[in-house]
Every structure is written in C-alpha cells, then in structure tokens.
Amino acid sequence: MFTLIESRIAEPMFQLSLFRIRAFTAGSIAGFLVAVARGGMQFMLIIWLQGIWLPLHGYDYSDTPLWAGISCSR
C-alpha cells in the first residue's frame, strides 16, 4: 500500500526510484536480513537464558525473566 500511494502523489516521502540503483537495493535487503536475524537471535537467546542457563546457575525461575532481560541488553 505504501509503494502504491508513494508512486502516485506529487511529493512522496521516499523516492522509490532509489531502488533502481543496485547497490542501494542490495544494501536495503542486506540491512533487512540482518535486522531479522538479530531479532531471531534475541528471541532464542532470551528463551535459552530463561529456560536453561540461568536456572542451572542458581537463579530462581521467578527471577529469570529479569536477569535474561538484563543479560540481553548489554
């Protein structure tokens, strides 16, 4: 919907013609893939910390969400 509206108005917020430049398109796709990978890794790391690592190292299950958040924010 965004691309359809931006291609039809007189003064768009984003110039879609930039995607005709191969380096810009490749960089945008690479940045998107890195962001998706980082989000997936963050999700898996929090699950692993809360369910496995923290309980094995003496943290109570009630404290693991707090400490997993603190560990992942570094």
N, C-alpha and C. Protein backbone atom coordinates (compact mmCIF):
# COMPACT_ATOMS: atom_id res chain seq x y z
N MET A 1 0.83 -1.18 0.00
CA MET A 1 0.00 0.00 0.00
C MET A 1 0.88 1.26 0.00
N PHE A 2 1.96 1.22 0.79
CA PHE A 2 2.87 2.36 0.86
C PHE A 2 3.45 2.68 -0.50
N THR A 3 3.93 1.66 -1.21
CA THR A 3 4.54 1.91 -2.52
C THR A 3 3.52 2.41 -3.53
N LEU A 4 2.30 1.93 -3.45
CA LEU A 4 1.26 2.37 -4.38
C LEU A 4 0.94 3.85 -4.16
N ILE A 5 0.78 4.25 -2.92
CA ILE A 5 0.47 5.66 -2.61
C ILE A 5 1.65 6.56 -2.95
N GLU A 6 2.86 6.14 -2.56
CA GLU A 6 4.05 6.96 -2.80
C GLU A 6 4.34 7.14 -4.29
N SER A 7 3.97 6.17 -5.10
CA SER A 7 4.22 6.30 -6.54
C SER A 7 3.22 7.21 -7.24
N ARG A 8 2.12 7.53 -6.58
CA ARG A 8 1.08 8.33 -7.23
C ARG A 8 0.99 9.78 -6.78
N ILE A 9 1.62 10.13 -5.66
CA ILE A 9 1.48 11.51 -5.19
C ILE A 9 2.59 12.39 -5.76
N ALA A 10 2.37 13.69 -5.69
CA ALA A 10 3.30 14.64 -6.30
C ALA A 10 4.62 14.75 -5.53
N GLU A 11 4.56 14.79 -4.23
CA GLU A 11 5.76 14.92 -3.40
C GLU A 11 5.83 13.75 -2.41
N PRO A 12 6.41 12.64 -2.82
CA PRO A 12 6.45 11.47 -1.93
C PRO A 12 7.44 11.66 -0.78
N MET A 13 7.22 10.92 0.30
CA MET A 13 8.13 10.95 1.45
C MET A 13 9.42 10.22 1.13
N PHE A 14 9.37 9.23 0.24
CA PHE A 14 10.52 8.41 -0.10
C PHE A 14 10.57 8.24 -1.61
N GLN A 15 11.74 8.44 -2.19
CA GLN A 15 11.89 8.31 -3.64
C GLN A 15 12.08 6.83 -4.00
N LEU A 16 11.06 6.24 -4.57
CA LEU A 16 11.13 4.83 -4.92
C LEU A 16 12.10 4.56 -6.06
N SER A 17 12.48 5.59 -6.78
CA SER A 17 13.44 5.42 -7.87
C SER A 17 14.83 5.04 -7.35
N LEU A 18 15.08 5.23 -6.06
CA LEU A 18 16.36 4.82 -5.48
C LEU A 18 16.57 3.31 -5.59
N PHE A 19 15.47 2.55 -5.62
CA PHE A 19 15.60 1.10 -5.71
C PHE A 19 16.06 0.64 -7.10
N ARG A 20 16.15 1.54 -8.04
CA ARG A 20 16.72 1.19 -9.35
C ARG A 20 18.24 1.07 -9.28
N ILE A 21 18.85 1.64 -8.25
CA ILE A 21 20.29 1.55 -8.03
C ILE A 21 20.57 0.22 -7.35
N ARG A 22 21.35 -0.63 -8.00
CA ARG A 22 21.58 -1.98 -7.49
C ARG A 22 22.24 -1.98 -6.11
N ALA A 23 23.19 -1.09 -5.88
CA ALA A 23 23.88 -1.04 -4.59
C ALA A 23 22.91 -0.65 -3.47
N PHE A 24 22.01 0.29 -3.73
CA PHE A 24 21.03 0.70 -2.73
C PHE A 24 20.06 -0.44 -2.42
N THR A 25 19.60 -1.12 -3.45
CA THR A 25 18.68 -2.24 -3.26
C THR A 25 19.35 -3.37 -2.48
N ALA A 26 20.59 -3.71 -2.86
CA ALA A 26 21.31 -4.77 -2.16
C ALA A 26 21.57 -4.39 -0.70
N GLY A 27 21.93 -3.15 -0.45
CA GLY A 27 22.16 -2.69 0.91
C GLY A 27 20.89 -2.71 1.74
N SER A 28 19.78 -2.33 1.14
CA SER A 28 18.50 -2.35 1.86
C SER A 28 18.08 -3.77 2.21
N ILE A 29 18.24 -4.69 1.26
CA ILE A 29 17.91 -6.09 1.52
C ILE A 29 18.83 -6.68 2.58
N ALA A 30 20.12 -6.38 2.49
CA ALA A 30 21.08 -6.89 3.48
C ALA A 30 20.76 -6.34 4.88
N GLY A 31 20.44 -5.07 4.97
CA GLY A 31 20.08 -4.49 6.26
C GLY A 31 18.82 -5.11 6.85
N PHE A 32 17.84 -5.37 5.99
CA PHE A 32 16.61 -6.02 6.44
C PHE A 32 16.89 -7.43 6.96
N LEU A 33 17.70 -8.19 6.23
CA LEU A 33 18.02 -9.55 6.65
C LEU A 33 18.81 -9.57 7.95
N VAL A 34 19.72 -8.64 8.12
CA VAL A 34 20.47 -8.54 9.38
C VAL A 34 19.54 -8.23 10.54
N ALA A 35 18.59 -7.33 10.33
CA ALA A 35 17.64 -6.99 11.39
C ALA A 35 16.76 -8.17 11.77
N VAL A 36 16.32 -8.94 10.77
CA VAL A 36 15.52 -10.13 11.05
C VAL A 36 16.34 -11.16 11.81
N ALA A 37 17.58 -11.37 11.39
CA ALA A 37 18.45 -12.33 12.07
C ALA A 37 18.73 -11.90 13.51
N ARG A 38 18.97 -10.62 13.73
CA ARG A 38 19.22 -10.11 15.07
C ARG A 38 18.00 -10.31 15.97
N GLY A 39 16.83 -10.05 15.44
CA GLY A 39 15.60 -10.26 16.21
C GLY A 39 15.39 -11.73 16.56
N GLY A 40 15.66 -12.62 15.61
CA GLY A 40 15.53 -14.04 15.88
C GLY A 40 16.53 -14.52 16.92
N MET A 41 17.74 -14.03 16.83
CA MET A 41 18.77 -14.41 17.80
C MET A 41 18.41 -13.89 19.19
N GLN A 42 17.90 -12.68 19.28
CA GLN A 42 17.48 -12.12 20.57
C GLN A 42 16.38 -12.98 21.18
N PHE A 43 15.43 -13.39 20.38
CA PHE A 43 14.32 -14.22 20.85
C PHE A 43 14.84 -15.56 21.38
N MET A 44 15.71 -16.21 20.61
CA MET A 44 16.24 -17.51 21.01
C MET A 44 17.13 -17.38 22.25
N LEU A 45 17.90 -16.32 22.35
CA LEU A 45 18.78 -16.11 23.49
C LEU A 45 17.99 -15.94 24.77
N ILE A 46 16.90 -15.20 24.73
CA ILE A 46 16.08 -15.00 25.91
C ILE A 46 15.43 -16.31 26.35
N ILE A 47 14.92 -17.10 25.39
CA ILE A 47 14.34 -18.39 25.73
C ILE A 47 15.39 -19.30 26.36
N TRP A 48 16.58 -19.34 25.80
CA TRP A 48 17.66 -20.18 26.32
C TRP A 48 18.08 -19.74 27.72
N LEU A 49 18.23 -18.42 27.92
CA LEU A 49 18.63 -17.92 29.23
C LEU A 49 17.58 -18.24 30.29
N GLN A 50 16.30 -18.01 29.98
CA GLN A 50 15.26 -18.21 30.98
C GLN A 50 15.03 -19.68 31.28
N GLY A 51 15.15 -20.54 30.29
CA GLY A 51 14.80 -21.93 30.49
C GLY A 51 15.94 -22.84 30.85
N ILE A 52 17.17 -22.50 30.49
CA ILE A 52 18.27 -23.44 30.66
C ILE A 52 19.41 -22.85 31.48
N TRP A 53 20.06 -21.81 30.97
CA TRP A 53 21.31 -21.35 31.56
C TRP A 53 21.14 -20.77 32.95
N LEU A 54 20.21 -19.84 33.11
CA LEU A 54 20.05 -19.17 34.41
C LEU A 54 19.61 -20.13 35.52
N PRO A 55 18.62 -21.03 35.30
CA PRO A 55 18.27 -21.97 36.37
C PRO A 55 19.43 -22.90 36.75
N LEU A 56 20.28 -23.27 35.79
CA LEU A 56 21.41 -24.14 36.10
C LEU A 56 22.50 -23.42 36.90
N HIS A 57 22.47 -22.09 36.89
CA HIS A 57 23.49 -21.32 37.60
C HIS A 57 22.96 -20.64 38.86
N GLY A 58 21.91 -21.21 39.45
CA GLY A 58 21.46 -20.78 40.76
C GLY A 58 20.39 -19.71 40.81
N TYR A 59 19.83 -19.29 39.68
CA TYR A 59 18.76 -18.29 39.71
C TYR A 59 17.41 -19.00 39.85
N ASP A 60 16.51 -18.42 40.63
CA ASP A 60 15.16 -18.96 40.74
C ASP A 60 14.40 -18.73 39.44
N TYR A 61 13.45 -19.61 39.15
CA TYR A 61 12.64 -19.44 37.93
C TYR A 61 11.86 -18.13 37.95
N SER A 62 11.50 -17.64 39.13
CA SER A 62 10.76 -16.38 39.20
C SER A 62 11.64 -15.18 38.88
N ASP A 63 12.97 -15.32 39.00
CA ASP A 63 13.89 -14.22 38.72
C ASP A 63 14.46 -14.27 37.30
N THR A 64 14.26 -15.36 36.57
CA THR A 64 14.92 -15.48 35.26
C THR A 64 14.46 -14.47 34.22
N PRO A 65 13.19 -14.03 34.16
CA PRO A 65 12.85 -13.00 33.15
C PRO A 65 13.63 -11.70 33.35
N LEU A 66 13.77 -11.29 34.60
CA LEU A 66 14.52 -10.06 34.90
C LEU A 66 15.98 -10.21 34.46
N TRP A 67 16.63 -11.28 34.88
CA TRP A 67 18.05 -11.44 34.59
C TRP A 67 18.31 -11.75 33.12
N ALA A 68 17.37 -12.41 32.44
CA ALA A 68 17.53 -12.62 31.00
C ALA A 68 17.46 -11.29 30.26
N GLY A 69 16.54 -10.41 30.69
CA GLY A 69 16.46 -9.08 30.08
C GLY A 69 17.70 -8.25 30.31
N ILE A 70 18.24 -8.34 31.52
CA ILE A 70 19.46 -7.60 31.84
C ILE A 70 20.64 -8.14 31.04
N SER A 71 20.73 -9.45 30.89
CA SER A 71 21.84 -10.06 30.15
C SER A 71 21.79 -9.74 28.66
N CYS A 72 20.59 -9.69 28.10
CA CYS A 72 20.45 -9.44 26.66
C CYS A 72 20.58 -7.97 26.30
N SER A 73 20.43 -7.09 27.26
CA SER A 73 20.50 -5.66 26.95
C SER A 73 21.92 -5.13 26.92
N ARG A 74 22.89 -5.95 27.22
CA ARG A 74 24.28 -5.50 27.23
C ARG A 74 24.83 -5.36 25.86
